[in-house]
N, C-alpha and C. Protein backbone atom coordinates (compact mmCIF):
# COMPACT_ATOMS: atom_id res chain seq x y z
N LYS A 1 32.22 103.54 84.29
CA LYS A 1 31.75 102.18 84.52
C LYS A 1 31.54 102.00 86.02
N THR A 2 30.41 101.47 86.39
CA THR A 2 30.12 101.24 87.81
C THR A 2 30.73 99.91 88.23
N PRO A 3 31.17 99.84 89.49
CA PRO A 3 31.75 98.57 89.95
C PRO A 3 30.67 97.50 90.07
N SER A 4 31.12 96.27 89.98
CA SER A 4 30.22 95.14 90.06
C SER A 4 29.63 95.02 91.47
N PRO A 5 28.37 94.62 91.59
CA PRO A 5 27.81 94.43 92.93
C PRO A 5 28.47 93.26 93.67
N ARG A 6 29.17 92.40 92.95
CA ARG A 6 29.85 91.28 93.61
C ARG A 6 31.00 91.74 94.50
N ILE A 7 31.49 92.96 94.26
CA ILE A 7 32.57 93.49 95.09
C ILE A 7 32.08 93.78 96.51
N LEU A 8 30.79 93.87 96.69
CA LEU A 8 30.23 94.16 98.01
C LEU A 8 30.40 92.99 98.98
N ILE A 9 30.54 91.78 98.47
CA ILE A 9 30.69 90.62 99.36
C ILE A 9 32.02 90.66 100.11
N PRO A 10 33.16 90.81 99.44
CA PRO A 10 34.41 90.95 100.22
C PRO A 10 34.43 92.23 101.05
N LEU A 11 33.81 93.29 100.54
CA LEU A 11 33.77 94.55 101.28
C LEU A 11 32.99 94.38 102.58
N ALA A 12 31.88 93.65 102.54
CA ALA A 12 31.08 93.43 103.76
C ALA A 12 31.86 92.65 104.81
N ALA A 13 32.65 91.69 104.37
CA ALA A 13 33.45 90.92 105.32
C ALA A 13 34.50 91.81 106.00
N VAL A 14 35.13 92.67 105.24
CA VAL A 14 36.16 93.55 105.79
C VAL A 14 35.54 94.61 106.70
N VAL A 15 34.42 95.18 106.29
CA VAL A 15 33.78 96.23 107.09
C VAL A 15 33.26 95.66 108.41
N SER A 16 32.74 94.44 108.41
CA SER A 16 32.25 93.86 109.67
C SER A 16 33.40 93.65 110.65
N MET A 17 34.56 93.25 110.17
CA MET A 17 35.71 93.11 111.05
C MET A 17 36.22 94.46 111.52
N MET A 18 36.08 95.48 110.67
CA MET A 18 36.49 96.83 111.04
C MET A 18 35.62 97.36 112.18
N VAL A 19 34.32 97.08 112.12
CA VAL A 19 33.42 97.49 113.20
C VAL A 19 33.81 96.80 114.50
N ASP A 20 34.13 95.51 114.41
CA ASP A 20 34.59 94.77 115.59
C ASP A 20 35.86 95.40 116.16
N PHE A 21 36.78 95.78 115.31
CA PHE A 21 38.01 96.41 115.77
C PHE A 21 37.75 97.76 116.43
N LEU A 22 36.84 98.55 115.86
CA LEU A 22 36.52 99.85 116.45
C LEU A 22 35.90 99.69 117.84
N ILE A 23 35.08 98.68 118.02
CA ILE A 23 34.51 98.41 119.35
C ILE A 23 35.63 98.05 120.32
N THR A 24 36.58 97.26 119.87
CA THR A 24 37.71 96.88 120.71
C THR A 24 38.56 98.09 121.08
N VAL A 25 38.80 98.98 120.15
CA VAL A 25 39.56 100.20 120.45
C VAL A 25 38.79 101.06 121.44
N GLY A 26 37.47 101.12 121.31
CA GLY A 26 36.66 101.85 122.28
C GLY A 26 36.81 101.28 123.69
N LEU A 27 36.79 99.96 123.79
CA LEU A 27 37.01 99.33 125.10
C LEU A 27 38.42 99.59 125.62
N PHE A 28 39.39 99.59 124.72
CA PHE A 28 40.76 99.92 125.11
C PHE A 28 40.84 101.31 125.71
N LEU A 29 40.15 102.27 125.07
CA LEU A 29 40.16 103.64 125.58
C LEU A 29 39.46 103.75 126.93
N VAL A 30 38.39 102.99 127.12
CA VAL A 30 37.70 102.99 128.41
C VAL A 30 38.65 102.51 129.50
N PHE A 31 39.35 101.40 129.25
CA PHE A 31 40.31 100.90 130.24
C PHE A 31 41.49 101.85 130.40
N ASP A 32 41.91 102.46 129.31
CA ASP A 32 43.01 103.41 129.36
C ASP A 32 42.66 104.59 130.28
N PHE A 33 41.47 105.13 130.12
CA PHE A 33 41.03 106.25 130.96
C PHE A 33 40.79 105.80 132.40
N SER A 34 40.30 104.57 132.58
CA SER A 34 40.03 104.11 133.95
C SER A 34 41.32 103.91 134.74
N TYR A 35 42.43 103.67 134.06
CA TYR A 35 43.72 103.56 134.74
C TYR A 35 44.46 104.89 134.81
N GLY A 36 43.81 105.96 134.39
CA GLY A 36 44.41 107.29 134.50
C GLY A 36 45.35 107.65 133.37
N ARG A 37 45.38 106.86 132.34
CA ARG A 37 46.22 107.17 131.18
C ARG A 37 45.36 107.82 130.12
N HIS A 38 45.97 108.72 129.38
CA HIS A 38 45.25 109.39 128.30
C HIS A 38 46.08 109.32 127.04
N PRO A 39 45.43 109.10 125.90
CA PRO A 39 46.21 109.07 124.65
C PRO A 39 46.84 110.43 124.36
N ASP A 40 48.03 110.39 123.79
CA ASP A 40 48.71 111.64 123.45
C ASP A 40 48.48 111.96 121.97
N TRP A 41 49.31 112.84 121.42
CA TRP A 41 49.15 113.31 120.05
C TRP A 41 49.28 112.20 119.02
N ARG A 42 49.97 111.11 119.37
CA ARG A 42 50.15 110.03 118.41
C ARG A 42 48.85 109.29 118.09
N PHE A 43 47.88 109.40 119.01
CA PHE A 43 46.60 108.73 118.80
C PHE A 43 45.89 109.27 117.55
N ALA A 44 46.22 110.48 117.14
CA ALA A 44 45.60 111.06 115.94
C ALA A 44 45.98 110.30 114.68
N PHE A 45 47.07 109.53 114.72
CA PHE A 45 47.49 108.75 113.56
C PHE A 45 46.79 107.39 113.48
N ALA A 46 46.10 106.98 114.52
CA ALA A 46 45.43 105.68 114.52
C ALA A 46 44.43 105.52 113.38
N PRO A 47 43.61 106.53 113.04
CA PRO A 47 42.71 106.36 111.89
C PRO A 47 43.45 106.15 110.56
N VAL A 48 44.61 106.76 110.41
CA VAL A 48 45.39 106.55 109.19
C VAL A 48 45.85 105.10 109.12
N PHE A 49 46.34 104.57 110.23
CA PHE A 49 46.79 103.17 110.25
C PHE A 49 45.62 102.22 110.07
N LEU A 50 44.47 102.59 110.61
CA LEU A 50 43.27 101.78 110.44
C LEU A 50 42.86 101.75 108.97
N PHE A 51 42.93 102.89 108.30
CA PHE A 51 42.59 102.93 106.88
C PHE A 51 43.57 102.09 106.05
N LEU A 52 44.85 102.15 106.39
CA LEU A 52 45.84 101.33 105.67
C LEU A 52 45.59 99.84 105.90
N THR A 53 45.22 99.49 107.11
CA THR A 53 44.89 98.09 107.39
C THR A 53 43.66 97.67 106.61
N PHE A 54 42.69 98.57 106.51
CA PHE A 54 41.51 98.31 105.69
C PHE A 54 41.89 98.06 104.23
N LEU A 55 42.77 98.90 103.68
CA LEU A 55 43.20 98.71 102.29
C LEU A 55 43.90 97.37 102.10
N LEU A 56 44.75 97.00 103.04
CA LEU A 56 45.45 95.72 102.94
C LEU A 56 44.47 94.55 102.99
N THR A 57 43.58 94.55 103.95
CA THR A 57 42.66 93.42 104.07
C THR A 57 41.66 93.39 102.92
N PHE A 58 41.22 94.55 102.44
CA PHE A 58 40.30 94.56 101.31
C PHE A 58 40.98 94.07 100.05
N GLY A 59 42.22 94.50 99.81
CA GLY A 59 42.96 94.01 98.65
C GLY A 59 43.18 92.51 98.70
N LEU A 60 43.56 92.01 99.88
CA LEU A 60 43.76 90.57 100.02
C LEU A 60 42.46 89.80 99.87
N SER A 61 41.37 90.34 100.42
CA SER A 61 40.10 89.63 100.30
C SER A 61 39.61 89.62 98.85
N LEU A 62 39.87 90.68 98.10
CA LEU A 62 39.52 90.66 96.67
C LEU A 62 40.34 89.62 95.92
N LEU A 63 41.64 89.59 96.21
CA LEU A 63 42.50 88.59 95.56
C LEU A 63 42.03 87.17 95.88
N LEU A 64 41.82 86.90 97.17
CA LEU A 64 41.51 85.54 97.59
C LEU A 64 40.10 85.12 97.22
N SER A 65 39.15 86.06 97.23
CA SER A 65 37.79 85.68 96.85
C SER A 65 37.70 85.36 95.36
N ALA A 66 38.39 86.12 94.54
CA ALA A 66 38.40 85.82 93.10
C ALA A 66 39.14 84.53 92.82
N ALA A 67 40.23 84.30 93.54
CA ALA A 67 40.98 83.05 93.35
C ALA A 67 40.19 81.85 93.86
N ASN A 68 39.39 82.05 94.91
CA ASN A 68 38.60 80.95 95.47
C ASN A 68 37.52 80.48 94.50
N VAL A 69 36.99 81.38 93.69
CA VAL A 69 35.98 80.97 92.72
C VAL A 69 36.59 80.06 91.67
N ARG A 70 37.77 80.42 91.22
CA ARG A 70 38.42 79.63 90.17
C ARG A 70 39.12 78.40 90.73
N TYR A 71 39.80 78.54 91.86
CA TYR A 71 40.56 77.43 92.45
C TYR A 71 39.96 77.13 93.82
N ARG A 72 39.21 76.07 93.93
CA ARG A 72 38.47 75.75 95.16
C ARG A 72 39.39 75.41 96.33
N ASP A 73 40.62 75.06 96.07
CA ASP A 73 41.55 74.72 97.14
C ASP A 73 41.94 75.94 97.98
N VAL A 74 41.75 77.13 97.43
CA VAL A 74 42.09 78.35 98.18
C VAL A 74 41.25 78.41 99.45
N GLY A 75 39.97 78.08 99.36
CA GLY A 75 39.09 78.10 100.52
C GLY A 75 39.48 77.08 101.57
N GLN A 76 40.05 75.96 101.13
CA GLN A 76 40.49 74.92 102.07
C GLN A 76 41.78 75.30 102.77
N ALA A 77 42.66 75.99 102.07
CA ALA A 77 43.97 76.35 102.63
C ALA A 77 43.93 77.65 103.43
N LEU A 78 42.89 78.45 103.24
CA LEU A 78 42.85 79.78 103.85
C LEU A 78 42.86 79.77 105.38
N PRO A 79 42.06 78.94 106.06
CA PRO A 79 42.11 78.96 107.54
C PRO A 79 43.50 78.64 108.09
N PHE A 80 44.17 77.65 107.51
CA PHE A 80 45.52 77.29 107.95
C PHE A 80 46.49 78.44 107.69
N THR A 81 46.37 79.05 106.52
CA THR A 81 47.27 80.15 106.16
C THR A 81 47.06 81.35 107.07
N LEU A 82 45.81 81.67 107.39
CA LEU A 82 45.53 82.80 108.27
C LEU A 82 46.06 82.55 109.69
N GLN A 83 45.91 81.32 110.17
CA GLN A 83 46.43 81.01 111.50
C GLN A 83 47.95 81.08 111.51
N LEU A 84 48.59 80.59 110.48
CA LEU A 84 50.04 80.68 110.38
C LEU A 84 50.48 82.14 110.30
N TRP A 85 49.76 82.96 109.54
CA TRP A 85 50.07 84.38 109.41
C TRP A 85 49.92 85.09 110.74
N PHE A 86 48.93 84.69 111.54
CA PHE A 86 48.75 85.28 112.87
C PHE A 86 49.97 84.99 113.74
N PHE A 87 50.47 83.77 113.70
CA PHE A 87 51.62 83.42 114.53
C PHE A 87 52.92 84.04 114.03
N LEU A 88 52.98 84.41 112.77
CA LEU A 88 54.16 85.07 112.23
C LEU A 88 54.11 86.59 112.39
N SER A 89 52.98 87.10 112.86
CA SER A 89 52.82 88.55 113.08
C SER A 89 53.00 88.85 114.56
N PRO A 90 53.66 89.96 114.88
CA PRO A 90 53.90 90.29 116.29
C PRO A 90 52.65 90.86 116.97
N VAL A 91 51.62 90.03 117.09
CA VAL A 91 50.40 90.46 117.75
C VAL A 91 50.51 90.20 119.24
N ALA A 92 50.81 88.98 119.61
CA ALA A 92 50.87 88.60 121.02
C ALA A 92 52.29 88.66 121.58
N PHE A 93 53.26 89.02 120.76
CA PHE A 93 54.65 89.11 121.22
C PHE A 93 55.29 90.34 120.61
N PRO A 94 56.29 90.90 121.27
CA PRO A 94 56.96 92.08 120.70
C PRO A 94 57.94 91.67 119.61
N LEU A 95 58.24 92.60 118.74
CA LEU A 95 59.26 92.37 117.73
C LEU A 95 60.61 92.45 118.43
N LEU A 96 61.33 91.35 118.45
CA LEU A 96 62.53 91.26 119.27
C LEU A 96 63.77 91.84 118.61
N THR A 97 63.72 92.08 117.33
CA THR A 97 64.93 92.55 116.65
C THR A 97 64.70 93.91 116.02
N PRO A 98 64.57 94.97 116.84
CA PRO A 98 64.41 96.29 116.24
C PRO A 98 65.70 96.75 115.60
N GLY A 99 65.60 97.64 114.69
CA GLY A 99 66.79 98.15 114.02
C GLY A 99 66.85 97.70 112.58
N HIS A 100 68.05 97.57 112.08
CA HIS A 100 68.24 97.26 110.66
C HIS A 100 68.97 95.94 110.47
N SER A 101 68.52 94.89 111.11
CA SER A 101 69.13 93.58 110.91
C SER A 101 68.38 92.83 109.82
N TRP A 102 68.95 91.76 109.32
CA TRP A 102 68.31 90.98 108.27
C TRP A 102 67.05 90.32 108.80
N GLU A 103 67.00 90.00 110.10
CA GLU A 103 65.79 89.40 110.68
C GLU A 103 64.63 90.39 110.65
N THR A 104 64.91 91.64 110.88
CA THR A 104 63.87 92.66 110.85
C THR A 104 63.31 92.80 109.45
N TYR A 105 64.16 92.80 108.44
CA TYR A 105 63.67 92.91 107.07
C TYR A 105 62.96 91.65 106.63
N LEU A 106 63.39 90.49 107.13
CA LEU A 106 62.69 89.25 106.83
C LEU A 106 61.28 89.29 107.42
N GLN A 107 61.16 89.81 108.65
CA GLN A 107 59.84 89.96 109.24
C GLN A 107 59.06 91.05 108.52
N GLY A 108 59.74 91.98 107.91
CA GLY A 108 59.08 93.05 107.17
C GLY A 108 58.40 92.58 105.91
N LEU A 109 58.70 91.36 105.46
CA LEU A 109 58.00 90.80 104.31
C LEU A 109 56.53 90.55 104.63
N ASN A 110 56.21 90.51 105.91
CA ASN A 110 54.83 90.42 106.36
C ASN A 110 54.32 91.86 106.52
N PRO A 111 53.38 92.30 105.69
CA PRO A 111 52.96 93.71 105.77
C PRO A 111 52.28 94.06 107.09
N LEU A 112 51.79 93.06 107.80
CA LEU A 112 51.16 93.36 109.09
C LEU A 112 52.16 93.78 110.15
N VAL A 113 53.41 93.41 110.01
CA VAL A 113 54.41 93.77 111.02
C VAL A 113 54.53 95.29 111.12
N GLY A 114 54.71 95.96 110.00
CA GLY A 114 54.82 97.42 110.02
C GLY A 114 53.56 98.10 110.51
N LEU A 115 52.39 97.56 110.12
CA LEU A 115 51.13 98.16 110.56
C LEU A 115 50.89 97.94 112.05
N ILE A 116 51.22 96.77 112.55
CA ILE A 116 51.05 96.49 113.99
C ILE A 116 51.99 97.37 114.81
N LEU A 117 53.23 97.50 114.35
CA LEU A 117 54.17 98.37 115.06
C LEU A 117 53.71 99.83 115.02
N ALA A 118 53.10 100.24 113.91
CA ALA A 118 52.58 101.61 113.83
C ALA A 118 51.41 101.80 114.79
N PHE A 119 50.53 100.80 114.88
CA PHE A 119 49.43 100.88 115.85
C PHE A 119 49.96 100.94 117.27
N ARG A 120 50.96 100.14 117.57
CA ARG A 120 51.53 100.17 118.93
C ARG A 120 52.15 101.53 119.23
N TRP A 121 52.81 102.12 118.24
CA TRP A 121 53.37 103.45 118.43
C TRP A 121 52.27 104.46 118.71
N SER A 122 51.17 104.35 117.96
CA SER A 122 50.07 105.30 118.08
C SER A 122 49.29 105.12 119.39
N LEU A 123 49.05 103.89 119.79
CA LEU A 123 48.19 103.63 120.95
C LEU A 123 48.97 103.47 122.25
N LEU A 124 50.15 102.89 122.19
CA LEU A 124 50.87 102.54 123.41
C LEU A 124 52.13 103.36 123.63
N GLY A 125 52.58 104.10 122.64
CA GLY A 125 53.77 104.92 122.81
C GLY A 125 55.07 104.15 122.68
N THR A 126 55.07 103.04 121.97
CA THR A 126 56.29 102.28 121.74
C THR A 126 57.16 103.01 120.71
N PRO A 127 58.39 102.55 120.49
CA PRO A 127 59.23 103.21 119.48
C PRO A 127 58.61 103.15 118.09
N PRO A 128 58.91 104.12 117.24
CA PRO A 128 58.32 104.14 115.89
C PRO A 128 58.80 102.96 115.05
N PRO A 129 58.01 102.55 114.05
CA PRO A 129 58.33 101.35 113.27
C PRO A 129 59.39 101.53 112.20
N HIS A 130 59.89 102.74 111.98
CA HIS A 130 60.97 103.02 111.02
C HIS A 130 60.65 102.51 109.62
N GLY A 131 61.60 101.79 109.02
CA GLY A 131 61.46 101.32 107.65
C GLY A 131 60.43 100.24 107.46
N LEU A 132 60.07 99.52 108.53
CA LEU A 132 59.08 98.47 108.40
C LEU A 132 57.72 99.04 108.02
N PHE A 133 57.43 100.24 108.47
CA PHE A 133 56.16 100.86 108.10
C PHE A 133 56.16 101.26 106.63
N VAL A 134 57.27 101.76 106.14
CA VAL A 134 57.35 102.13 104.72
C VAL A 134 57.20 100.88 103.86
N LEU A 135 57.84 99.80 104.25
CA LEU A 135 57.71 98.54 103.52
C LEU A 135 56.27 98.04 103.56
N ALA A 136 55.62 98.16 104.71
CA ALA A 136 54.22 97.76 104.83
C ALA A 136 53.32 98.64 103.98
N LEU A 137 53.64 99.92 103.90
CA LEU A 137 52.86 100.85 103.09
C LEU A 137 52.94 100.48 101.61
N VAL A 138 54.14 100.18 101.14
CA VAL A 138 54.31 99.78 99.74
C VAL A 138 53.58 98.48 99.46
N MET A 139 53.70 97.51 100.36
CA MET A 139 53.03 96.22 100.17
C MET A 139 51.52 96.36 100.25
N THR A 140 51.03 97.24 101.11
CA THR A 140 49.59 97.46 101.23
C THR A 140 49.01 97.98 99.92
N PHE A 141 49.63 99.01 99.37
CA PHE A 141 49.13 99.54 98.11
C PHE A 141 49.31 98.54 96.97
N GLY A 142 50.37 97.76 97.03
CA GLY A 142 50.57 96.71 96.02
C GLY A 142 49.47 95.65 96.07
N PHE A 143 49.16 95.18 97.27
CA PHE A 143 48.09 94.18 97.42
C PHE A 143 46.73 94.77 97.04
N PHE A 144 46.50 96.03 97.36
CA PHE A 144 45.22 96.65 97.03
C PHE A 144 45.06 96.76 95.51
N VAL A 145 46.08 97.27 94.83
CA VAL A 145 46.01 97.42 93.37
C VAL A 145 45.91 96.05 92.71
N ALA A 146 46.68 95.07 93.18
CA ALA A 146 46.61 93.73 92.61
C ALA A 146 45.24 93.10 92.85
N GLY A 147 44.68 93.30 94.04
CA GLY A 147 43.37 92.74 94.34
C GLY A 147 42.27 93.33 93.49
N VAL A 148 42.26 94.65 93.34
CA VAL A 148 41.24 95.30 92.51
C VAL A 148 41.40 94.88 91.06
N SER A 149 42.63 94.82 90.59
CA SER A 149 42.89 94.44 89.20
C SER A 149 42.46 93.00 88.93
N TYR A 150 42.88 92.08 89.79
CA TYR A 150 42.56 90.67 89.59
C TYR A 150 41.06 90.43 89.72
N PHE A 151 40.42 91.07 90.71
CA PHE A 151 38.99 90.88 90.90
C PHE A 151 38.21 91.43 89.71
N SER A 152 38.62 92.57 89.18
CA SER A 152 37.88 93.13 88.04
C SER A 152 38.05 92.26 86.79
N ARG A 153 39.22 91.66 86.61
CA ARG A 153 39.40 90.75 85.48
C ARG A 153 38.63 89.45 85.68
N ALA A 154 38.65 88.93 86.91
CA ALA A 154 37.96 87.66 87.18
C ALA A 154 36.44 87.85 87.26
N ASP A 155 36.00 89.08 87.49
CA ASP A 155 34.57 89.35 87.65
C ASP A 155 33.80 89.03 86.37
N ARG A 156 34.46 89.15 85.25
CA ARG A 156 33.79 88.87 83.97
C ARG A 156 33.41 87.40 83.83
N THR A 157 34.18 86.50 84.47
CA THR A 157 33.94 85.06 84.30
C THR A 157 33.50 84.38 85.60
N ILE A 158 33.20 85.15 86.64
CA ILE A 158 32.81 84.52 87.92
C ILE A 158 31.54 83.69 87.74
N ALA A 159 30.57 84.21 87.02
CA ALA A 159 29.32 83.47 86.82
C ALA A 159 29.57 82.16 86.07
N ASP A 160 30.52 82.16 85.14
CA ASP A 160 30.83 80.93 84.41
C ASP A 160 31.55 79.92 85.31
N ASP A 161 32.41 80.41 86.21
CA ASP A 161 33.18 79.52 87.06
C ASP A 161 32.36 78.91 88.20
N VAL A 162 31.33 79.64 88.61
CA VAL A 162 30.50 79.13 89.72
C VAL A 162 29.65 78.02 89.18
């Protein structure tokens, strides 16, 4: 069975952001080389982390796009939720509680925490993300499988719901 052409809409949104990210990484490397720093062997893992981030965002976009067709409030709540998720992710600040404390595992419920820490390890040479990456890996595959499953079930009635 061939996939529905409607799956291309969430895929296009994710791929366009991926291209933007790749351009940003290219600029990062230009500045890195201009300051005399060179990526080490850990940089080889960056494409793996990028692929995992792609799977997470694609799974979430499939879930949310299918839910948005049926429940119109999803589209209204999404900008607020994404902004809140950004502030709960250690993008602009470091993770202050490394190790195995309950705060670390509470932050690990956000799958982006493990992926961001893995990217920092790969690009900047920070300490490895330990168990948070494993938790993010499990959640990433869970969101991807749930997104594909829910989208394929909802795809049968999307035309009726629109």
